Amino acid sequence: IKNNICTFVALDGYRMAVKKDKIDYDGEVSVIVPSKTLVE
């Protein structure tokens, strides 16, 4: 998260997906979350 944009990025060495959306948050975040968690 930066500049009020939330970005999700996933890749496996053969392909990469990048998705962005606006968010009402002025701070900055950069963390890596296990895909198992996101699936749940």
PDB file of all heavy atoms in Angstrom:
ATOM      1  N   ILE A   1       0.853  -1.192   0.000  1.00  0.00           N
ATOM      2  CA  ILE A   1       0.000   0.000   0.000  1.00  0.00           C
ATOM      3  C   ILE A   1       0.887   1.239   0.000  1.00  0.00           C
ATOM      4  O   ILE A   1       1.774   1.375   0.857  1.00  0.00           O
ATOM      5  CB  ILE A   1      -0.929   0.043   1.230  1.00  0.00           C
ATOM      6  CG1 ILE A   1      -1.840  -1.187   1.273  1.00  0.00           C
ATOM      7  CG2 ILE A   1      -1.790   1.310   1.208  1.00  0.00           C
ATOM      8  CD1 ILE A   1      -2.723  -1.254   2.515  1.00  0.00           C
ATOM      9  N   LYS A   2       0.679   2.093  -0.973  1.00  0.00           N
ATOM     10  CA  LYS A   2       1.318   3.414  -0.980  1.00  0.00           C
ATOM     11  C   LYS A   2       0.525   4.324  -1.904  1.00  0.00           C
ATOM     12  O   LYS A   2      -0.079   3.880  -2.880  1.00  0.00           O
ATOM     13  CB  LYS A   2       2.785   3.330  -1.405  1.00  0.00           C
ATOM     14  CG  LYS A   2       3.076   2.710  -2.742  1.00  0.00           C
ATOM     15  CD  LYS A   2       4.584   2.616  -2.958  1.00  0.00           C
ATOM     16  CE  LYS A   2       4.915   1.941  -4.289  1.00  0.00           C
ATOM     17  NZ  LYS A   2       6.366   1.794  -4.488  1.00  0.00           N
ATOM     18  N   ASN A   3       0.514   5.603  -1.544  1.00  0.00           N
ATOM     19  CA  ASN A   3      -0.234   6.614  -2.318  1.00  0.00           C
ATOM     20  C   ASN A   3      -1.707   6.236  -2.483  1.00  0.00           C
ATOM     21  O   ASN A   3      -2.285   6.412  -3.556  1.00  0.00           O
ATOM     22  CB  ASN A   3       0.417   6.831  -3.684  1.00  0.00           C
ATOM     23  CG  ASN A   3       1.864   7.281  -3.565  1.00  0.00           C
ATOM     24  OD1 ASN A   3       2.205   8.025  -2.656  1.00  0.00           O
ATOM     25  ND2 ASN A   3       2.709   6.807  -4.474  1.00  0.00           N
ATOM     26  N   ASN A   4      -2.294   5.662  -1.417  1.00  0.00           N
ATOM     27  CA  ASN A   4      -3.714   5.272  -1.413  1.00  0.00           C
ATOM     28  C   ASN A   4      -4.057   4.219  -2.463  1.00  0.00           C
ATOM     29  O   ASN A   4      -5.209   4.095  -2.888  1.00  0.00           O
ATOM     30  CB  ASN A   4      -4.620   6.499  -1.613  1.00  0.00           C
ATOM     31  CG  ASN A   4      -4.490   7.496  -0.480  1.00  0.00           C
ATOM     32  OD1 ASN A   4      -3.920   8.572  -0.653  1.00  0.00           O
ATOM     33  ND2 ASN A   4      -5.002   7.153   0.684  1.00  0.00           N
ATOM     34  N   ILE A   5      -3.072   3.442  -2.887  1.00  0.00           N
ATOM     35  CA  ILE A   5      -3.295   2.332  -3.817  1.00  0.00           C
ATOM     36  C   ILE A   5      -2.852   1.039  -3.139  1.00  0.00           C
ATOM     37  O   ILE A   5      -1.728   0.937  -2.636  1.00  0.00           O
ATOM     38  CB  ILE A   5      -2.505   2.508  -5.136  1.00  0.00           C
ATOM     39  CG1 ILE A   5      -2.966   3.768  -5.870  1.00  0.00           C
ATOM     40  CG2 ILE A   5      -2.669   1.274  -6.020  1.00  0.00           C
ATOM     41  CD1 ILE A   5      -4.372   3.697  -6.433  1.00  0.00           C
ATOM     42  N   CYS A   6      -3.745   0.054  -3.126  1.00  0.00           N
ATOM     43  CA  CYS A   6      -3.424  -1.270  -2.591  1.00  0.00           C
ATOM     44  C   CYS A   6      -3.113  -2.202  -3.760  1.00  0.00           C
ATOM     45  O   CYS A   6      -3.923  -2.337  -4.683  1.00  0.00           O
ATOM     46  CB  CYS A   6      -4.592  -1.814  -1.774  1.00  0.00           C
ATOM     47  SG  CYS A   6      -4.249  -3.416  -1.015  1.00  0.00           S
ATOM     48  N   THR A   7      -1.930  -2.818  -3.732  1.00  0.00           N
ATOM     49  CA  THR A   7      -1.487  -3.695  -4.814  1.00  0.00           C
ATOM     50  C   THR A   7      -1.235  -5.093  -4.281  1.00  0.00           C
ATOM     51  O   THR A   7      -0.556  -5.266  -3.258  1.00  0.00           O
ATOM     52  CB  THR A   7      -0.190  -3.158  -5.457  1.00  0.00           C
ATOM     53  OG1 THR A   7      -0.382  -1.811  -5.882  1.00  0.00           O
ATOM     54  CG2 THR A   7       0.216  -4.010  -6.653  1.00  0.00           C
ATOM     55  N   PHE A   8      -1.794  -6.087  -4.958  1.00  0.00           N
ATOM     56  CA  PHE A   8      -1.507  -7.494  -4.672  1.00  0.00           C
ATOM     57  C   PHE A   8      -0.666  -8.045  -5.823  1.00  0.00           C
ATOM     58  O   PHE A   8      -1.004  -7.828  -6.989  1.00  0.00           O
ATOM     59  CB  PHE A   8      -2.804  -8.317  -4.570  1.00  0.00           C
ATOM     60  CG  PHE A   8      -3.448  -8.299  -3.208  1.00  0.00           C
ATOM     61  CD1 PHE A   8      -3.624  -7.108  -2.525  1.00  0.00           C
ATOM     62  CD2 PHE A   8      -3.895  -9.473  -2.625  1.00  0.00           C
ATOM     63  CE1 PHE A   8      -4.234  -7.082  -1.275  1.00  0.00           C
ATOM     64  CE2 PHE A   8      -4.506  -9.461  -1.374  1.00  0.00           C
ATOM     65  CZ  PHE A   8      -4.672  -8.272  -0.699  1.00  0.00           C
ATOM     66  N   VAL A   9       0.419  -8.755  -5.491  1.00  0.00           N
ATOM     67  CA  VAL A   9       1.296  -9.326  -6.512  1.00  0.00           C
ATOM     68  C   VAL A   9       1.582 -10.782  -6.176  1.00  0.00           C
ATOM     69  O   VAL A   9       1.929 -11.107  -5.032  1.00  0.00           O
ATOM     70  CB  VAL A   9       2.641  -8.563  -6.609  1.00  0.00           C
ATOM     71  CG1 VAL A   9       3.475  -9.099  -7.769  1.00  0.00           C
ATOM     72  CG2 VAL A   9       2.415  -7.061  -6.759  1.00  0.00           C
ATOM     73  N   ALA A  10       1.441 -11.657  -7.171  1.00  0.00           N
ATOM     74  CA  ALA A  10       1.770 -13.072  -6.995  1.00  0.00           C
ATOM     75  C   ALA A  10       2.543 -13.553  -8.208  1.00  0.00           C
ATOM     76  O   ALA A  10       2.245 -13.162  -9.341  1.00  0.00           O
ATOM     77  CB  ALA A  10       0.499 -13.906  -6.816  1.00  0.00           C
ATOM     78  N   LEU A  11       3.548 -14.403  -7.988  1.00  0.00           N
ATOM     79  CA  LEU A  11       4.298 -14.976  -9.113  1.00  0.00           C
ATOM     80  C   LEU A  11       4.895 -16.307  -8.695  1.00  0.00           C
ATOM     81  O   LEU A  11       5.075 -16.584  -7.510  1.00  0.00           O
ATOM     82  CB  LEU A  11       5.381 -14.014  -9.609  1.00  0.00           C
ATOM     83  CG  LEU A  11       6.433 -13.515  -8.624  1.00  0.00           C
ATOM     84  CD1 LEU A  11       7.617 -14.466  -8.542  1.00  0.00           C
ATOM     85  CD2 LEU A  11       6.941 -12.143  -9.052  1.00  0.00           C
ATOM     86  N   ASP A  12       5.185 -17.134  -9.698  1.00  0.00           N
ATOM     87  CA  ASP A  12       5.762 -18.448  -9.408  1.00  0.00           C
ATOM     88  C   ASP A  12       6.983 -18.776 -10.273  1.00  0.00           C
ATOM     89  O   ASP A  12       7.465 -19.908 -10.276  1.00  0.00           O
ATOM     90  CB  ASP A  12       4.702 -19.548  -9.576  1.00  0.00           C
ATOM     91  CG  ASP A  12       4.201 -19.662 -11.016  1.00  0.00           C
ATOM     92  OD1 ASP A  12       4.701 -18.932 -11.899  1.00  0.00           O
ATOM     93  OD2 ASP A  12       3.297 -20.498 -11.259  1.00  0.00           O
ATOM     94  N   GLY A  13       7.488 -17.785 -10.988  1.00  0.00           N
ATOM     95  CA  GLY A  13       8.642 -18.021 -11.849  1.00  0.00           C
ATOM     96  C   GLY A  13       8.273 -18.218 -13.301  1.00  0.00           C
ATOM     97  O   GLY A  13       9.136 -18.127 -14.187  1.00  0.00           O
ATOM     98  N   TYR A  14       6.972 -18.481 -13.570  1.00  0.00           N
ATOM     99  CA  TYR A  14       6.496 -18.679 -14.944  1.00  0.00           C
ATOM    100  C   TYR A  14       5.449 -17.644 -15.345  1.00  0.00           C
ATOM    101  O   TYR A  14       5.245 -17.384 -16.522  1.00  0.00           O
ATOM    102  CB  TYR A  14       5.896 -20.083 -15.113  1.00  0.00           C
ATOM    103  CG  TYR A  14       6.858 -21.193 -14.793  1.00  0.00           C
ATOM    104  CD1 TYR A  14       6.821 -21.830 -13.554  1.00  0.00           C
ATOM    105  CD2 TYR A  14       7.822 -21.604 -15.720  1.00  0.00           C
ATOM    106  CE1 TYR A  14       7.714 -22.851 -13.244  1.00  0.00           C
ATOM    107  CE2 TYR A  14       8.708 -22.625 -15.420  1.00  0.00           C
ATOM    108  CZ  TYR A  14       8.653 -23.239 -14.180  1.00  0.00           C
ATOM    109  OH  TYR A  14       9.538 -24.241 -13.870  1.00  0.00           O
ATOM    110  N   ARG A  15       4.777 -17.084 -14.335  1.00  0.00           N
ATOM    111  CA  ARG A  15       3.769 -16.050 -14.607  1.00  0.00           C
ATOM    112  C   ARG A  15       3.660 -15.141 -13.392  1.00  0.00           C
ATOM    113  O   ARG A  15       4.122 -15.491 -12.285  1.00  0.00           O
ATOM    114  CB  ARG A  15       2.426 -16.648 -14.985  1.00  0.00           C
ATOM    115  CG  ARG A  15       1.756 -17.746 -14.256  1.00  0.00           C
ATOM    116  CD  ARG A  15       1.638 -18.242 -13.133  1.00  0.00           C
ATOM    117  NE  ARG A  15       1.043 -19.362 -12.565  1.00  0.00           N
ATOM    118  CZ  ARG A  15      -0.183 -19.817 -12.702  1.00  0.00           C
ATOM    119  NH1 ARG A  15      -1.016 -19.301 -13.545  1.00  0.00           N
ATOM    120  NH2 ARG A  15      -0.591 -20.833 -11.986  1.00  0.00           N
ATOM    121  N   MET A  16       3.055 -13.989 -13.594  1.00  0.00           N
ATOM    122  CA  MET A  16       2.904 -13.018 -12.516  1.00  0.00           C
ATOM    123  C   MET A  16       1.566 -12.298 -12.676  1.00  0.00           C
ATOM    124  O   MET A  16       1.179 -11.935 -13.781  1.00  0.00           O
ATOM    125  CB  MET A  16       4.048 -11.996 -12.565  1.00  0.00           C
ATOM    126  CG  MET A  16       3.936 -10.880 -11.516  1.00  0.00           C
ATOM    127  SD  MET A  16       5.340  -9.732 -11.539  1.00  0.00           S
ATOM    128  CE  MET A  16       4.952  -8.781 -13.029  1.00  0.00           C
ATOM    129  N   ALA A  17       0.866 -12.109 -11.566  1.00  0.00           N
ATOM    130  CA  ALA A  17      -0.402 -11.382 -11.565  1.00  0.00           C
ATOM    131  C   ALA A  17      -0.278 -10.167 -10.654  1.00  0.00           C
ATOM    132  O   ALA A  17       0.169 -10.283  -9.508  1.00  0.00           O
ATOM    133  CB  ALA A  17      -1.540 -12.291 -11.086  1.00  0.00           C
ATOM    134  N   VAL A  18      -0.669  -9.005 -11.166  1.00  0.00           N
ATOM    135  CA  VAL A  18      -0.611  -7.749 -10.409  1.00  0.00           C
ATOM    136  C   VAL A  18      -1.983  -7.088 -10.463  1.00  0.00           C
ATOM    137  O   VAL A  18      -2.488  -6.780 -11.543  1.00  0.00           O
ATOM    138  CB  VAL A  18       0.452  -6.783 -10.993  1.00  0.00           C
ATOM    139  CG1 VAL A  18       0.495  -5.500 -10.164  1.00  0.00           C
ATOM    140  CG2 VAL A  18       1.820  -7.438 -11.055  1.00  0.00           C
ATOM    141  N   LYS A  19      -2.590  -6.899  -9.303  1.00  0.00           N
ATOM    142  CA  LYS A  19      -3.921  -6.292  -9.225  1.00  0.00           C
ATOM    143  C   LYS A  19      -3.881  -5.090  -8.283  1.00  0.00           C
ATOM    144  O   LYS A  19      -3.318  -5.176  -7.182  1.00  0.00           O
ATOM    145  CB  LYS A  19      -4.943  -7.328  -8.723  1.00  0.00           C
ATOM    146  CG  LYS A  19      -6.354  -6.791  -8.502  1.00  0.00           C
ATOM    147  CD  LYS A  19      -7.059  -6.430  -9.784  1.00  0.00           C
ATOM    148  CE  LYS A  19      -8.517  -6.057  -9.522  1.00  0.00           C
ATOM    149  NZ  LYS A  19      -9.176  -5.518 -10.727  1.00  0.00           N
ATOM    150  N   LYS A  20      -4.480  -3.966  -8.712  1.00  0.00           N
ATOM    151  CA  LYS A  20      -4.473  -2.738  -7.913  1.00  0.00           C
ATOM    152  C   LYS A  20      -5.891  -2.228  -7.687  1.00  0.00           C
ATOM    153  O   LYS A  20      -6.765  -2.440  -8.510  1.00  0.00           O
ATOM    154  CB  LYS A  20      -3.650  -1.649  -8.624  1.00  0.00           C
ATOM    155  CG  LYS A  20      -2.198  -2.019  -8.872  1.00  0.00           C
ATOM    156  CD  LYS A  20      -1.436  -0.870  -9.515  1.00  0.00           C
ATOM    157  CE  LYS A  20       0.031  -1.253  -9.718  1.00  0.00           C
ATOM    158  NZ  LYS A  20       0.837  -0.117 -10.203  1.00  0.00           N
ATOM    159  N   ASP A  21      -6.055  -1.535  -6.552  1.00  0.00           N
ATOM    160  CA  ASP A  21      -7.326  -0.864  -6.282  1.00  0.00           C
ATOM    161  C   ASP A  21      -7.087   0.279  -5.304  1.00  0.00           C
ATOM    162  O   ASP A  21      -6.136   0.243  -4.506  1.00  0.00           O
ATOM    163  CB  ASP A  21      -8.363  -1.835  -5.708  1.00  0.00           C
ATOM    164  CG  ASP A  21      -9.785  -1.446  -6.085  1.00  0.00           C
ATOM    165  OD1 ASP A  21     -10.023  -0.246  -6.309  1.00  0.00           O
ATOM    166  OD2 ASP A  21     -10.651  -2.339  -6.146  1.00  0.00           O
ATOM    167  N   LYS A  22      -7.946   1.284  -5.359  1.00  0.00           N
ATOM    168  CA  LYS A  22      -7.810   2.431  -4.463  1.00  0.00           C
ATOM    169  C   LYS A  22      -8.255   2.033  -3.058  1.00  0.00           C
ATOM    170  O   LYS A  22      -9.129   1.193  -2.880  1.00  0.00           O
ATOM    171  CB  LYS A  22      -8.667   3.593  -4.972  1.00  0.00           C
ATOM    172  CG  LYS A  22      -8.184   4.166  -6.299  1.00  0.00           C
ATOM    173  CD  LYS A  22      -9.117   5.269  -6.798  1.00  0.00           C
ATOM    174  CE  LYS A  22      -8.643   5.802  -8.151  1.00  0.00           C
ATOM    175  NZ  LYS A  22      -9.566   6.826  -8.714  1.00  0.00           N
ATOM    176  N   ILE A  23      -7.608   2.672  -2.077  1.00  0.00           N
ATOM    177  CA  ILE A  23      -7.935   2.373  -0.685  1.00  0.00           C
ATOM    178  C   ILE A  23      -7.856   3.661   0.128  1.00  0.00           C
ATOM    179  O   ILE A  23      -7.026   4.537  -0.152  1.00  0.00           O
ATOM    180  CB  ILE A  23      -6.982   1.288  -0.118  1.00  0.00           C
ATOM    181  CG1 ILE A  23      -7.419   0.853   1.278  1.00  0.00           C
ATOM    182  CG2 ILE A  23      -5.539   1.786  -0.092  1.00  0.00           C
ATOM    183  CD1 ILE A  23      -6.656  -0.349   1.801  1.00  0.00           C
ATOM    184  N   ASP A  24      -8.711   3.784   1.121  1.00  0.00           N
ATOM    185  CA  ASP A  24      -8.743   4.982   1.960  1.00  0.00           C
ATOM    186  C   ASP A  24      -7.789   4.794   3.142  1.00  0.00           C
ATOM    187  O   ASP A  24      -8.202   4.578   4.281  1.00  0.00           O
ATOM    188  CB  ASP A  24     -10.172   5.246   2.437  1.00  0.00           C
ATOM    189  CG  ASP A  24     -10.286   6.565   3.190  1.00  0.00           C
ATOM    190  OD1 ASP A  24      -9.377   7.405   3.046  1.00  0.00           O
ATOM    191  OD2 ASP A  24     -11.278   6.744   3.923  1.00  0.00           O
ATOM    192  N   TYR A  25      -6.480   4.826   2.850  1.00  0.00           N
ATOM    193  CA  TYR A  25      -5.456   4.666   3.882  1.00  0.00           C
ATOM    194  C   TYR A  25      -4.204   5.392   3.424  1.00  0.00           C
ATOM    195  O   TYR A  25      -3.685   5.125   2.330  1.00  0.00           O
ATOM    196  CB  TYR A  25      -5.169   3.183   4.127  1.00  0.00           C
ATOM    197  CG  TYR A  25      -4.089   2.923   5.158  1.00  0.00           C
ATOM    198  CD1 TYR A  25      -4.264   3.282   6.486  1.00  0.00           C
ATOM    199  CD2 TYR A  25      -2.897   2.316   4.794  1.00  0.00           C
ATOM    200  CE1 TYR A  25      -3.281   3.051   7.433  1.00  0.00           C
ATOM    201  CE2 TYR A  25      -1.906   2.070   5.732  1.00  0.00           C
ATOM    202  CZ  TYR A  25      -2.098   2.441   7.056  1.00  0.00           C
ATOM    203  OH  TYR A  25      -1.119   2.207   7.988  1.00  0.00           O
ATOM    204  N   ASP A  26      -3.720   6.317   4.260  1.00  0.00           N
ATOM    205  CA  ASP A  26      -2.594   7.163   3.866  1.00  0.00           C
ATOM    206  C   ASP A  26      -1.230   6.546   4.183  1.00  0.00           C
ATOM    207  O   ASP A  26      -0.204   7.041   3.713  1.00  0.00           O
ATOM    208  CB  ASP A  26      -2.683   8.528   4.571  1.00  0.00           C
ATOM    209  CG  ASP A  26      -3.904   9.318   4.121  1.00  0.00           C
ATOM    210  OD1 ASP A  26      -4.280   9.169   2.942  1.00  0.00           O
ATOM    211  OD2 ASP A  26      -4.483  10.061   4.944  1.00  0.00           O
ATOM    212  N   GLY A  27      -1.203   5.487   4.969  1.00  0.00           N
ATOM    213  CA  GLY A  27       0.064   4.889   5.367  1.00  0.00           C
ATOM    214  C   GLY A  27       0.657   4.011   4.279  1.00  0.00           C
ATOM    215  O   GLY A  27       0.132   3.907   3.168  1.00  0.00           O
ATOM    216  N   GLU A  28       1.785   3.379   4.619  1.00  0.00           N
ATOM    217  CA  GLU A  28       2.456   2.465   3.688  1.00  0.00           C
ATOM    218  C   GLU A  28       2.578   1.086   4.321  1.00  0.00           C
ATOM    219  O   GLU A  28       2.857   0.958   5.514  1.00  0.00           O
ATOM    220  CB  GLU A  28       3.843   2.999   3.303  1.00  0.00           C
ATOM    221  CG  GLU A  28       3.787   4.268   2.458  1.00  0.00           C
ATOM    222  CD  GLU A  28       5.131   4.592   1.811  1.00  0.00           C
ATOM    223  OE1 GLU A  28       6.104   3.836   2.033  1.00  0.00           O
ATOM    224  OE2 GLU A  28       5.194   5.602   1.079  1.00  0.00           O
ATOM    225  N   VAL A  29       2.355   0.070   3.500  1.00  0.00           N
ATOM    226  CA  VAL A  29       2.437  -1.328   3.939  1.00  0.00           C
ATOM    227  C   VAL A  29       3.161  -2.126   2.865  1.00  0.00           C
ATOM    228  O   VAL A  29       2.963  -1.884   1.672  1.00  0.00           O
ATOM    229  CB  VAL A  29       1.021  -1.919   4.176  1.00  0.00           C
ATOM    230  CG1 VAL A  29       1.093  -3.427   4.406  1.00  0.00           C
ATOM    231  CG2 VAL A  29       0.330  -1.240   5.350  1.00  0.00           C
ATOM    232  N   SER A  30       3.988  -3.067   3.279  1.00  0.00           N
ATOM    233  CA  SER A  30       4.614  -4.001   2.331  1.00  0.00           C
ATOM    234  C   SER A  30       4.892  -5.300   3.072  1.00  0.00           C
ATOM    235  O   SER A  30       5.851  -5.399   3.839  1.00  0.00           O
ATOM    236  CB  SER A  30       5.911  -3.420   1.755  1.00  0.00           C
ATOM    237  OG  SER A  30       6.476  -4.311   0.808  1.00  0.00           O
ATOM    238  N   VAL A  31       4.004  -6.286   2.871  1.00  0.00           N
ATOM    239  CA  VAL A  31       4.115  -7.572   3.561  1.00  0.00           C
ATOM    240  C   VAL A  31       3.796  -8.707   2.581  1.00  0.00           C
ATOM    241  O   VAL A  31       3.156  -8.488   1.552  1.00  0.00           O
ATOM    242  CB  VAL A  31       3.170  -7.664   4.778  1.00  0.00           C
ATOM    243  CG1 VAL A  31       3.591  -6.682   5.854  1.00  0.00           C
ATOM    244  CG2 VAL A  31       1.722  -7.424   4.363  1.00  0.00           C
ATOM    245  N   ILE A  32       4.254  -9.903   2.928  1.00  0.00           N
ATOM    246  CA  ILE A  32       3.993 -11.078   2.085  1.00  0.00           C
ATOM    247  C   ILE A  32       3.142 -12.058   2.886  1.00  0.00           C
ATOM    248  O   ILE A  32       3.545 -12.525   3.950  1.00  0.00           O
ATOM    249  CB  ILE A  32       5.308 -11.734   1.633  1.00  0.00           C
ATOM    250  CG1 ILE A  32       6.189 -10.699   0.926  1.00  0.00           C
ATOM    251  CG2 ILE A  32       5.024 -12.903   0.696  1.00  0.00           C
ATOM    252  CD1 ILE A  32       7.639 -11.127   0.777  1.00  0.00           C
ATOM    253  N   VAL A  33       1.954 -12.348   2.374  1.00  0.00           N
ATOM    254  CA  VAL A  33       0.962 -13.164   3.085  1.00  0.00           C
ATOM    255  C   VAL A  33       0.839 -14.526   2.399  1.00  0.00           C
ATOM    256  O   VAL A  33       0.689 -14.594   1.177  1.00  0.00           O
ATOM    257  CB  VAL A  33      -0.410 -12.463   3.097  1.00  0.00           C
ATOM    258  CG1 VAL A  33      -1.432 -13.287   3.859  1.00  0.00           C
ATOM    259  CG2 VAL A  33      -0.285 -11.072   3.703  1.00  0.00           C
ATOM    260  N   PRO A  34       0.918 -15.626   3.150  1.00  0.00           N
ATOM    261  CA  PRO A  34       0.766 -16.958   2.535  1.00  0.00           C
ATOM    262  C   PRO A  34      -0.533 -17.064   1.746  1.00  0.00           C
ATOM    263  O   PRO A  34      -1.581 -16.590   2.191  1.00  0.00           O
ATOM    264  CB  PRO A  34       0.758 -17.900   3.749  1.00  0.00           C
ATOM    265  CG  PRO A  34       1.475 -17.154   4.822  1.00  0.00           C
ATOM    266  CD  PRO A  34       1.141 -15.708   4.610  1.00  0.00           C
ATOM    267  N   SER A  35      -0.466 -17.698   0.573  1.00  0.00           N
ATOM    268  CA  SER A  35      -1.666 -17.827  -0.267  1.00  0.00           C
ATOM    269  C   SER A  35      -2.743 -18.647   0.437  1.00  0.00           C
ATOM    270  O   SER A  35      -3.935 -18.421   0.232  1.00  0.00           O
ATOM    271  CB  SER A  35      -1.306 -18.465  -1.616  1.00  0.00           C
ATOM    272  OG  SER A  35      -0.782 -19.764  -1.430  1.00  0.00           O
ATOM    273  N   LYS A  36      -2.336 -19.592   1.299  1.00  0.00           N
ATOM    274  CA  LYS A  36      -3.313 -20.395   2.045  1.00  0.00           C
ATOM    275  C   LYS A  36      -4.234 -19.492   2.864  1.00  0.00           C
ATOM    276  O   LYS A  36      -5.446 -19.711   2.930  1.00  0.00           O
ATOM    277  CB  LYS A  36      -2.566 -21.366   2.970  1.00  0.00           C
ATOM    278  CG  LYS A  36      -3.478 -22.163   3.903  1.00  0.00           C
ATOM    279  CD  LYS A  36      -2.671 -22.984   4.892  1.00  0.00           C
ATOM    280  CE  LYS A  36      -3.587 -23.677   5.902  1.00  0.00           C
ATOM    281  NZ  LYS A  36      -2.829 -24.424   6.934  1.00  0.00           N
ATOM    282  N   THR A  37      -3.669 -18.459   3.463  1.00  0.00           N
ATOM    283  CA  THR A  37      -4.457 -17.518   4.250  1.00  0.00           C
ATOM    284  C   THR A  37      -5.454 -16.779   3.378  1.00  0.00           C
ATOM    285  O   THR A  37      -6.634 -16.639   3.725  1.00  0.00           O
ATOM    286  CB  THR A  37      -3.529 -16.501   4.944  1.00  0.00           C
ATOM    287  OG1 THR A  37      -2.595 -17.207   5.770  1.00  0.00           O
ATOM    288  CG2 THR A  37      -4.327 -15.510   5.778  1.00  0.00           C
ATOM    289  N   LEU A  38      -4.998 -16.317   2.221  1.00  0.00           N
ATOM    290  CA  LEU A  38      -5.864 -15.548   1.326  1.00  0.00           C
ATOM    291  C   LEU A  38      -6.989 -16.405   0.765  1.00  0.00           C
ATOM    292  O   LEU A  38      -8.110 -15.928   0.580  1.00  0.00           O
ATOM    293  CB  LEU A  38      -5.030 -14.939   0.197  1.00  0.00           C
ATOM    294  CG  LEU A  38      -3.943 -13.964   0.665  1.00  0.00           C
ATOM    295  CD1 LEU A  38      -3.113 -13.485  -0.516  1.00  0.00           C
ATOM    296  CD2 LEU A  38      -4.549 -12.778   1.397  1.00  0.00           C
ATOM    297  N   VAL A  39      -6.702 -17.675   0.503  1.00  0.00           N
ATOM    298  CA  VAL A  39      -7.745 -18.584   0.013  1.00  0.00           C
ATOM    299  C   VAL A  39      -8.844 -18.738   1.057  1.00  0.00           C
ATOM    300  O   VAL A  39     -10.037 -18.751   0.729  1.00  0.00           O
ATOM    301  CB  VAL A  39      -7.136 -19.959  -0.346  1.00  0.00           C
ATOM    302  CG1 VAL A  39      -8.236 -20.995  -0.586  1.00  0.00           C
ATOM    303  CG2 VAL A  39      -6.258 -19.857  -1.585  1.00  0.00           C
ATOM    304  N   GLU A  40      -8.463 -18.834   2.326  1.00  0.00           N
ATOM    305  CA  GLU A  40      -9.462 -18.966   3.388  1.00  0.00           C
ATOM    306  C   GLU A  40     -10.301 -17.710   3.518  1.00  0.00           C
ATOM    307  O   GLU A  40     -11.507 -17.762   3.742  1.00  0.00           O
ATOM    308  CB  GLU A  40      -8.781 -19.297   4.717  1.00  0.00           C
ATOM    309  CG  GLU A  40      -8.196 -20.691   4.766  1.00  0.00           C
ATOM    310  CD  GLU A  40      -9.164 -21.745   4.268  1.00  0.00           C
ATOM    311  OE1 GLU A  40     -10.298 -21.810   4.779  1.00  0.00           O
ATOM    312  OE2 GLU A  40      -8.807 -22.491   3.345  1.00  0.00           O
TER     313      GLU A  40
END
